[in-house]
Each structure stands twice: as structure tokens, then as C-alpha cells.
Amino acid sequence: KFMEPEYPFEWSGIYELNSGTYEWVMGEGPDPVMGAALLPMAKDGLTAKEATLMGAVLTFSEDEQAVQAGETLRLGQGRHNQLVLNRKGETVFNFVIQQPGHYMLFTEHHPDEFDAHLCGTDAVLAPLETREYKPDHEHDEEVTSVGITLPGDFHLERLNRWLGQLLVKQGQDIFRMKGVLSLRGHDERFVFQGVHMLFDGRPDRPWGNEQRHNKMVFIGRNLDRSALEEGFRACLVS
């Protein structure tokens, strides 16, 4: 898929779902876990697809919440599921649809790798439409996302200075920024988000036993992954 934007998932499928209970069934695959998000579509058409796609990118930038076999897959934007598979045999995850309509399911890996499928009350459901995404293409002038994850602690003043300079130069091209940061001298996670020329951040819950890390996602056009990662890395405490 030449010149396709980079995304944090490999596949999506559109399903028409009525009210009721559904099962996402997965067989054994190459990985013990898989990220997934299920988002409702507001309406039909290309605009709705692209809006839902953008919502999925933001959702995959959120921290994953583990979902074990037999547990409920969470629906909606911001609900980043990490599906934990059984070591042997099939793994089944449930979810309930209360509002009938079209839904888009996004998966970190292609369902075929896990022989995965969606089941209704009495039958396997085929998606109305599918799309595959390749994460290894650059230089696309359309909307793309760049995700960066780094260990270490950030120097707050350096970070603010770099972000300010970045927005002066590229503010019109950067539609959204979102991240979770580890700041030197702070015990809490620092949650950060920005829209075009505006950005804001606030302390979140304590890191506790969780390993400190930094995760940032940029969404926009004409994004230079190497330059963004270099600038982001330069804000780390030496």
C-alpha cells in the first residue's frame, strides 16, 4: 500500500450490529496479546469513516486495559483493549450492543493471523467492509500519525521550549498531539494533549509500580518522524 499513512493498527472492519450480545473469537496466533478498539460510527459515508479512523488513532494512544478470556471488550473512543489470549485453543471476548448501528472494529494485527471472527447469536458475522493498514510508509502529504515511545525522564523546560518552537514552525500541520510523560522530580504521570496551536498538560495518577515511560502521538500532515523523534529525545534529562 504505497504512500499510505502510518497507523498503530493493521486492520479494521465495519459491521452492522443490532442490539444484543456478541462474541469476538480468537484462535492461537503469533502473539499472546492483541490491541483492539470498537467504535460506533455516527453516520455512513467517507467522512464518518475518516472521523472514526482518527478516533481509533487517538484510542490506540491511550494506555491499554487488559481483557481476559470471557471478560467484556470495552466499547467507544478512548477504550484501548489489550486482549489476552489463552495459551491453547480459542479465546472468547464478549460485548453488548445497546444502540443498533454501524461499528468499526480496529485490531493491532490482522484477524487472519489468529483465525479471529465475530459471532452473533447464532452465526458468524462477516464485515460489510474491511481495510488493511501498513505501518511502514512515509512521505505521505495526507493525514498521518507518528507515535514515539521512549524510556527515561523529561526535562520540563526543555520540553516546553521544543513544543513551542515546533508549533511556531508546524502548528498549522499538526492537528492533534497526545501523550503520557515521565517528568524529572514528579511522582505522577503527566498527561499531555494539544490541538493545533494550543497545548496543555496536567498531573495524573502516580506511577506507583508501573515502569516510567514516555509515549507521544502526533497527528497531522507532512510529519517528519525522524525530526520529531530527535526533538522529543533531546528533551530527556541527560
C-alpha atoms as a PDB file:
ATOM      1  CA  LYS A   1       0.000   0.000   0.000  1.00  0.00           C
ATOM      2  CA  PHE A   2       2.360   2.664  -1.300  1.00  0.00           C
ATOM      3  CA  MET A   3       2.091   6.153   0.202  1.00  0.00           C
ATOM      4  CA  GLU A   4      -0.400   5.067   2.859  1.00  0.00           C
ATOM      5  CA  PRO A   5      -0.273   6.881   6.236  1.00  0.00           C
ATOM      6  CA  GLU A   6       1.135   5.119   9.270  1.00  0.00           C
ATOM      7  CA  TYR A   7      -1.319   3.743  11.806  1.00  0.00           C
ATOM      8  CA  PRO A   8      -0.963   1.825  15.096  1.00  0.00           C
ATOM      9  CA  PHE A   9      -3.223  -0.989  13.823  1.00  0.00           C
ATOM     10  CA  GLU A  10      -3.187  -3.318  10.827  1.00  0.00           C
ATOM     11  CA  TRP A  11      -6.872  -3.935  10.129  1.00  0.00           C
ATOM     12  CA  SER A  12     -10.385  -2.555  10.502  1.00  0.00           C
ATOM     13  CA  GLY A  13     -13.807  -3.926   9.681  1.00  0.00           C
ATOM     14  CA  ILE A  14     -17.215  -2.250   9.523  1.00  0.00           C
ATOM     15  CA  TYR A  15     -20.102  -4.243  10.997  1.00  0.00           C
ATOM     16  CA  GLU A  16     -23.824  -3.549  11.133  1.00  0.00           C
ATOM     17  CA  LEU A  17     -24.862  -4.616  14.627  1.00  0.00           C
ATOM     18  CA  ASN A  18     -28.278  -4.870  16.238  1.00  0.00           C
ATOM     19  CA  SER A  19     -28.905  -4.712  19.978  1.00  0.00           C
ATOM     20  CA  GLY A  20     -27.656  -7.828  21.695  1.00  0.00           C
ATOM     21  CA  THR A  21     -24.630  -9.795  22.854  1.00  0.00           C
ATOM     22  CA  TYR A  22     -21.705 -10.621  20.579  1.00  0.00           C
ATOM     23  CA  GLU A  23     -18.511 -12.655  20.827  1.00  0.00           C
ATOM     24  CA  TRP A  24     -15.097 -11.910  19.340  1.00  0.00           C
ATOM     25  CA  VAL A  25     -13.453 -15.318  18.989  1.00  0.00           C
ATOM     26  CA  MET A  26      -9.694 -15.716  18.528  1.00  0.00           C
ATOM     27  CA  GLY A  27      -7.574 -18.792  17.935  1.00  0.00           C
ATOM     28  CA  GLU A  28      -3.908 -19.272  18.724  1.00  0.00           C
ATOM     29  CA  GLY A  29      -1.646 -16.784  16.966  1.00  0.00           C
ATOM     30  CA  PRO A  30       1.860 -15.352  16.780  1.00  0.00           C
ATOM     31  CA  ASP A  31       1.395 -13.085  19.828  1.00  0.00           C
ATOM     32  CA  PRO A  32      -0.067 -13.666  23.317  1.00  0.00           C
ATOM     33  CA  VAL A  33      -1.966 -10.335  23.280  1.00  0.00           C
ATOM     34  CA  MET A  34      -3.588  -8.062  20.703  1.00  0.00           C
ATOM     35  CA  GLY A  35      -4.761  -4.465  20.887  1.00  0.00           C
ATOM     36  CA  ALA A  36      -8.331  -3.751  19.772  1.00  0.00           C
ATOM     37  CA  ALA A  37     -10.864  -0.916  19.721  1.00  0.00           C
ATOM     38  CA  LEU A  38     -14.551  -0.974  18.787  1.00  0.00           C
ATOM     39  CA  LEU A  39     -16.016   2.419  17.897  1.00  0.00           C
ATOM     40  CA  PRO A  40     -19.541   3.382  16.807  1.00  0.00           C
ATOM     41  CA  MET A  41     -19.923   5.272  13.539  1.00  0.00           C
ATOM     42  CA  ALA A  42     -22.116   8.363  13.728  1.00  0.00           C
ATOM     43  CA  LYS A  43     -23.324   8.003  10.142  1.00  0.00           C
ATOM     44  CA  ASP A  44     -22.494   6.385   6.816  1.00  0.00           C
ATOM     45  CA  GLY A  45     -20.123   7.831   4.268  1.00  0.00           C
ATOM     46  CA  LEU A  46     -16.436   8.607   3.821  1.00  0.00           C
ATOM     47  CA  THR A  47     -16.448  11.461   6.325  1.00  0.00           C
ATOM     48  CA  ALA A  48     -17.738   9.176   9.069  1.00  0.00           C
ATOM     49  CA  LYS A  49     -15.120   6.543   8.228  1.00  0.00           C
ATOM     50  CA  GLU A  50     -12.270   9.030   8.383  1.00  0.00           C
ATOM     51  CA  ALA A  51     -13.590  10.573  11.599  1.00  0.00           C
ATOM     52  CA  THR A  52     -13.857   7.121  13.173  1.00  0.00           C
ATOM     53  CA  LEU A  53     -10.355   6.287  11.921  1.00  0.00           C
ATOM     54  CA  MET A  54      -8.989   9.396  13.641  1.00  0.00           C
ATOM     55  CA  GLY A  55     -10.818   8.387  16.818  1.00  0.00           C
ATOM     56  CA  ALA A  56      -9.163   4.974  16.617  1.00  0.00           C
ATOM     57  CA  VAL A  57      -5.697   6.539  16.316  1.00  0.00           C
ATOM     58  CA  LEU A  58      -6.357   8.543  19.481  1.00  0.00           C
ATOM     59  CA  THR A  59      -7.767   5.468  21.217  1.00  0.00           C
ATOM     60  CA  PHE A  60      -4.653   3.425  20.445  1.00  0.00           C
ATOM     61  CA  SER A  61      -2.545   6.197  22.015  1.00  0.00           C
ATOM     62  CA  GLU A  62      -4.280   5.572  25.346  1.00  0.00           C
ATOM     63  CA  ASP A  63      -2.971   3.050  27.880  1.00  0.00           C
ATOM     64  CA  GLU A  64      -4.197  -0.465  27.205  1.00  0.00           C
ATOM     65  CA  GLN A  65      -6.545  -2.198  29.625  1.00  0.00           C
ATOM     66  CA  ALA A  66      -6.103  -5.955  29.760  1.00  0.00           C
ATOM     67  CA  VAL A  67      -9.170  -8.039  28.902  1.00  0.00           C
ATOM     68  CA  GLN A  68      -9.005 -11.723  29.843  1.00  0.00           C
ATOM     69  CA  ALA A  69     -10.899 -14.631  28.277  1.00  0.00           C
ATOM     70  CA  GLY A  70     -14.622 -14.366  28.992  1.00  0.00           C
ATOM     71  CA  GLU A  71     -14.395 -10.714  30.012  1.00  0.00           C
ATOM     72  CA  THR A  72     -16.132  -7.805  28.313  1.00  0.00           C
ATOM     73  CA  LEU A  73     -14.498  -5.895  25.486  1.00  0.00           C
ATOM     74  CA  ARG A  74     -14.980  -2.175  26.154  1.00  0.00           C
ATOM     75  CA  LEU A  75     -16.641  -0.005  23.502  1.00  0.00           C
ATOM     76  CA  GLY A  76     -16.037   3.582  22.455  1.00  0.00           C
ATOM     77  CA  GLN A  77     -13.286   6.124  21.861  1.00  0.00           C
ATOM     78  CA  GLY A  78     -10.529   6.049  24.453  1.00  0.00           C
ATOM     79  CA  ARG A  79     -11.216   2.383  25.276  1.00  0.00           C
ATOM     80  CA  HIS A  80      -7.988   0.654  24.225  1.00  0.00           C
ATOM     81  CA  ASN A  81      -8.424  -3.068  24.878  1.00  0.00           C
ATOM     82  CA  GLN A  82      -5.480  -5.424  25.228  1.00  0.00           C
ATOM     83  CA  LEU A  83      -6.936  -8.851  24.504  1.00  0.00           C
ATOM     84  CA  VAL A  84      -5.073 -11.549  26.455  1.00  0.00           C
ATOM     85  CA  LEU A  85      -5.209 -14.922  24.711  1.00  0.00           C
ATOM     86  CA  ASN A  86      -5.345 -18.382  26.212  1.00  0.00           C
ATOM     87  CA  ARG A  87      -2.168 -20.382  25.710  1.00  0.00           C
ATOM     88  CA  LYS A  88      -4.099 -23.151  23.987  1.00  0.00           C
ATOM     89  CA  GLY A  89      -7.283 -23.224  21.957  1.00  0.00           C
ATOM     90  CA  GLU A  90      -9.790 -20.452  21.363  1.00  0.00           C
ATOM     91  CA  THR A  91     -10.269 -17.310  23.445  1.00  0.00           C
ATOM     92  CA  VAL A  92     -13.689 -15.639  23.562  1.00  0.00           C
ATOM     93  CA  PHE A  93     -14.376 -11.998  24.466  1.00  0.00           C
ATOM     94  CA  ASN A  94     -17.920 -10.683  24.913  1.00  0.00           C
ATOM     95  CA  PHE A  95     -19.532  -7.309  24.347  1.00  0.00           C
ATOM     96  CA  VAL A  96     -23.071  -5.932  24.384  1.00  0.00           C
ATOM     97  CA  ILE A  97     -24.503  -3.536  21.801  1.00  0.00           C
ATOM     98  CA  GLN A  98     -27.261  -1.325  23.187  1.00  0.00           C
ATOM     99  CA  GLN A  99     -27.569   1.106  20.283  1.00  0.00           C
ATOM    100  CA  PRO A 100     -28.015  -0.561  16.857  1.00  0.00           C
ATOM    101  CA  GLY A 101     -25.885   0.832  14.058  1.00  0.00           C
ATOM    102  CA  HIS A 102     -22.593   0.608  12.212  1.00  0.00           C
ATOM    103  CA  TYR A 103     -19.445  -0.072  14.227  1.00  0.00           C
ATOM    104  CA  MET A 104     -15.779  -0.161  13.235  1.00  0.00           C
ATOM    105  CA  LEU A 105     -13.502  -2.742  14.841  1.00  0.00           C
ATOM    106  CA  PHE A 106      -9.764  -1.948  14.754  1.00  0.00           C
ATOM    107  CA  THR A 107      -7.175  -4.624  15.561  1.00  0.00           C
ATOM    108  CA  GLU A 108      -3.439  -4.338  16.152  1.00  0.00           C
ATOM    109  CA  HIS A 109      -2.808  -7.394  13.956  1.00  0.00           C
ATOM    110  CA  HIS A 110      -4.760  -8.889  11.071  1.00  0.00           C
ATOM    111  CA  PRO A 111      -7.556 -11.206  12.312  1.00  0.00           C
ATOM    112  CA  ASP A 112      -6.450 -13.888   9.843  1.00  0.00           C
ATOM    113  CA  GLU A 113      -3.275 -14.363  11.899  1.00  0.00           C
ATOM    114  CA  PHE A 114      -5.467 -15.579  14.771  1.00  0.00           C
ATOM    115  CA  ASP A 115      -8.349 -17.079  12.791  1.00  0.00           C
ATOM    116  CA  ALA A 116     -10.445 -14.420  14.562  1.00  0.00           C
ATOM    117  CA  HIS A 117     -14.105 -13.765  13.802  1.00  0.00           C
ATOM    118  CA  LEU A 118     -17.172 -12.022  15.185  1.00  0.00           C
ATOM    119  CA  CYS A 119     -20.163 -14.117  16.238  1.00  0.00           C
ATOM    120  CA  GLY A 120     -23.752 -13.023  16.729  1.00  0.00           C
ATOM    121  CA  THR A 121     -26.435 -15.047  18.466  1.00  0.00           C
ATOM    122  CA  ASP A 122     -26.362 -17.943  16.042  1.00  0.00           C
ATOM    123  CA  ALA A 123     -23.903 -17.184  13.244  1.00  0.00           C
ATOM    124  CA  VAL A 124     -20.506 -15.801  12.293  1.00  0.00           C
ATOM    125  CA  LEU A 125     -20.849 -12.195  11.091  1.00  0.00           C
ATOM    126  CA  ALA A 126     -18.937 -11.002   8.046  1.00  0.00           C
ATOM    127  CA  PRO A 127     -17.821  -7.351   7.974  1.00  0.00           C
ATOM    128  CA  LEU A 128     -19.537  -5.117   5.426  1.00  0.00           C
ATOM    129  CA  GLU A 129     -16.171  -3.648   4.529  1.00  0.00           C
ATOM    130  CA  THR A 130     -12.556  -4.179   5.590  1.00  0.00           C
ATOM    131  CA  ARG A 131      -9.345  -2.201   5.288  1.00  0.00           C
ATOM    132  CA  GLU A 132      -5.724  -3.135   5.860  1.00  0.00           C
ATOM    133  CA  TYR A 133      -3.113  -0.664   7.108  1.00  0.00           C
ATOM    134  CA  LYS A 134       0.632  -0.848   6.672  1.00  0.00           C
ATOM    135  CA  PRO A 135       2.800   0.843   9.342  1.00  0.00           C
ATOM    136  CA  ASP A 136       5.952   1.297   7.265  1.00  0.00           C
ATOM    137  CA  HIS A 137       5.256   4.098   4.771  1.00  0.00           C
ATOM    138  CA  GLU A 138       6.380   7.703   4.981  1.00  0.00           C
ATOM    139  CA  HIS A 139       6.298  10.943   2.956  1.00  0.00           C
ATOM    140  CA  ASP A 140       2.503  10.996   2.606  1.00  0.00           C
ATOM    141  CA  GLU A 141       1.100  14.501   2.470  1.00  0.00           C
ATOM    142  CA  GLU A 142      -2.284  13.303   3.686  1.00  0.00           C
ATOM    143  CA  VAL A 143      -3.125  12.950   7.381  1.00  0.00           C
ATOM    144  CA  THR A 144      -0.715  10.623   9.164  1.00  0.00           C
ATOM    145  CA  SER A 145       0.167   9.718  12.736  1.00  0.00           C
ATOM    146  CA  VAL A 146       3.586   9.375  14.344  1.00  0.00           C
ATOM    147  CA  GLY A 147       3.845   7.511  17.643  1.00  0.00           C
ATOM    148  CA  ILE A 148       7.011   7.708  19.760  1.00  0.00           C
ATOM    149  CA  THR A 149       7.790   5.750  22.932  1.00  0.00           C
ATOM    150  CA  LEU A 150      10.950   6.455  24.961  1.00  0.00           C
ATOM    151  CA  PRO A 151      12.271   5.448  28.392  1.00  0.00           C
ATOM    152  CA  GLY A 152      13.716   7.995  30.826  1.00  0.00           C
ATOM    153  CA  ASP A 153      12.564  11.276  32.378  1.00  0.00           C
ATOM    154  CA  PHE A 154      11.896  14.543  30.601  1.00  0.00           C
ATOM    155  CA  HIS A 155      13.190  17.995  31.466  1.00  0.00           C
ATOM    156  CA  LEU A 156      10.011  20.099  31.616  1.00  0.00           C
ATOM    157  CA  GLU A 157      11.570  23.390  30.483  1.00  0.00           C
ATOM    158  CA  ARG A 158      13.278  21.748  27.510  1.00  0.00           C
ATOM    159  CA  LEU A 159      10.040  20.041  26.549  1.00  0.00           C
ATOM    160  CA  ASN A 160       8.019  23.265  26.726  1.00  0.00           C
ATOM    161  CA  ARG A 161      10.639  25.118  24.690  1.00  0.00           C
ATOM    162  CA  TRP A 162      10.752  22.431  21.997  1.00  0.00           C
ATOM    163  CA  LEU A 163       6.964  22.173  21.748  1.00  0.00           C
ATOM    164  CA  GLY A 164       6.686  25.942  21.461  1.00  0.00           C
ATOM    165  CA  GLN A 165       9.219  26.038  18.625  1.00  0.00           C
ATOM    166  CA  LEU A 166       7.565  23.072  16.928  1.00  0.00           C
ATOM    167  CA  LEU A 167       4.146  24.729  16.947  1.00  0.00           C
ATOM    168  CA  VAL A 168       5.543  28.000  15.595  1.00  0.00           C
ATOM    169  CA  LYS A 169       7.039  26.122  12.633  1.00  0.00           C
ATOM    170  CA  GLN A 170       4.440  23.387  12.079  1.00  0.00           C
ATOM    171  CA  GLY A 171       1.381  24.371  14.085  1.00  0.00           C
ATOM    172  CA  GLN A 172      -0.895  24.504  11.041  1.00  0.00           C
ATOM    173  CA  ASP A 173       0.090  20.963  10.051  1.00  0.00           C
ATOM    174  CA  ILE A 174      -0.152  19.362  13.496  1.00  0.00           C
ATOM    175  CA  PHE A 175      -3.826  18.673  14.140  1.00  0.00           C
ATOM    176  CA  ARG A 176      -3.517  16.831  17.431  1.00  0.00           C
ATOM    177  CA  MET A 177      -0.898  15.780  19.979  1.00  0.00           C
ATOM    178  CA  LYS A 178      -1.490  13.426  22.846  1.00  0.00           C
ATOM    179  CA  GLY A 179       0.804  11.715  25.303  1.00  0.00           C
ATOM    180  CA  VAL A 180       1.744  10.406  28.718  1.00  0.00           C
ATOM    181  CA  LEU A 181       5.075  11.666  30.035  1.00  0.00           C
ATOM    182  CA  SER A 182       7.500  10.964  32.859  1.00  0.00           C
ATOM    183  CA  LEU A 183       8.892  14.240  34.233  1.00  0.00           C
ATOM    184  CA  ARG A 184      12.002  14.549  36.376  1.00  0.00           C
ATOM    185  CA  GLY A 185      11.130  15.201  40.012  1.00  0.00           C
ATOM    186  CA  HIS A 186       7.464  14.241  39.612  1.00  0.00           C
ATOM    187  CA  ASP A 187       5.945  11.040  41.004  1.00  0.00           C
ATOM    188  CA  GLU A 188       2.815  11.375  38.863  1.00  0.00           C
ATOM    189  CA  ARG A 189       2.278  10.614  35.207  1.00  0.00           C
ATOM    190  CA  PHE A 190       1.931  13.814  33.197  1.00  0.00           C
ATOM    191  CA  VAL A 191      -0.942  13.710  30.691  1.00  0.00           C
ATOM    192  CA  PHE A 192      -0.469  15.973  27.713  1.00  0.00           C
ATOM    193  CA  GLN A 193      -2.633  16.964  24.752  1.00  0.00           C
ATOM    194  CA  GLY A 194      -2.665  19.662  22.129  1.00  0.00           C
ATOM    195  CA  VAL A 195      -4.913  20.841  19.304  1.00  0.00           C
ATOM    196  CA  HIS A 196      -3.293  22.895  16.536  1.00  0.00           C
ATOM    197  CA  MET A 197      -1.510  25.851  18.199  1.00  0.00           C
ATOM    198  CA  LEU A 198      -2.762  25.111  21.718  1.00  0.00           C
ATOM    199  CA  PHE A 199      -1.383  22.561  24.154  1.00  0.00           C
ATOM    200  CA  ASP A 200      -1.985  21.745  27.780  1.00  0.00           C
ATOM    201  CA  GLY A 201      -0.872  19.213  30.363  1.00  0.00           C
ATOM    202  CA  ARG A 202      -1.702  18.132  33.892  1.00  0.00           C
ATOM    203  CA  PRO A 203      -0.516  15.664  36.538  1.00  0.00           C
ATOM    204  CA  ASP A 204      -2.321  12.329  36.504  1.00  0.00           C
ATOM    205  CA  ARG A 205      -2.242   9.318  38.823  1.00  0.00           C
ATOM    206  CA  PRO A 206       1.054   8.258  40.479  1.00  0.00           C
ATOM    207  CA  TRP A 207       3.325   5.907  38.547  1.00  0.00           C
ATOM    208  CA  GLY A 208       3.390   3.528  41.504  1.00  0.00           C
ATOM    209  CA  ASN A 209       4.874   0.182  40.482  1.00  0.00           C
ATOM    210  CA  GLU A 210       4.355   0.892  36.780  1.00  0.00           C
ATOM    211  CA  GLN A 211       7.553   1.340  34.797  1.00  0.00           C
ATOM    212  CA  ARG A 212       8.038   5.008  33.920  1.00  0.00           C
ATOM    213  CA  HIS A 213       7.968   5.732  30.200  1.00  0.00           C
ATOM    214  CA  ASN A 214       7.031   8.398  27.672  1.00  0.00           C
ATOM    215  CA  LYS A 215       4.510   7.949  24.872  1.00  0.00           C
ATOM    216  CA  MET A 216       3.539  10.675  22.420  1.00  0.00           C
ATOM    217  CA  VAL A 217       1.345  10.578  19.305  1.00  0.00           C
ATOM    218  CA  PHE A 218       1.315  13.330  16.679  1.00  0.00           C
ATOM    219  CA  ILE A 219      -1.500  13.508  14.112  1.00  0.00           C
ATOM    220  CA  GLY A 220      -1.230  15.811  11.130  1.00  0.00           C
ATOM    221  CA  ARG A 221       0.206  16.192   7.653  1.00  0.00           C
ATOM    222  CA  ASN A 222       3.792  16.442   6.393  1.00  0.00           C
ATOM    223  CA  LEU A 223       5.062  14.929   9.636  1.00  0.00           C
ATOM    224  CA  ASP A 224       8.768  14.058   9.738  1.00  0.00           C
ATOM    225  CA  ARG A 225       9.158  11.055  12.043  1.00  0.00           C
ATOM    226  CA  SER A 226      12.948  11.361  12.348  1.00  0.00           C
ATOM    227  CA  ALA A 227      12.841  15.065  13.212  1.00  0.00           C
ATOM    228  CA  LEU A 228      10.028  14.599  15.740  1.00  0.00           C
ATOM    229  CA  GLU A 229      11.806  11.719  17.454  1.00  0.00           C
ATOM    230  CA  GLU A 230      15.110  13.617  17.514  1.00  0.00           C
ATOM    231  CA  GLY A 231      13.471  16.691  19.049  1.00  0.00           C
ATOM    232  CA  PHE A 232      11.479  14.608  21.529  1.00  0.00           C
ATOM    233  CA  ARG A 233      14.592  12.671  22.583  1.00  0.00           C
ATOM    234  CA  ALA A 234      16.592  15.885  23.051  1.00  0.00           C
ATOM    235  CA  CYS A 235      14.199  16.882  25.860  1.00  0.00           C
ATOM    236  CA  LEU A 236      15.239  13.917  28.023  1.00  0.00           C
ATOM    237  CA  VAL A 237      17.310  14.557  31.131  1.00  0.00           C
ATOM    238  CA  SER A 238      20.929  13.859  30.196  1.00  0.00           C
END
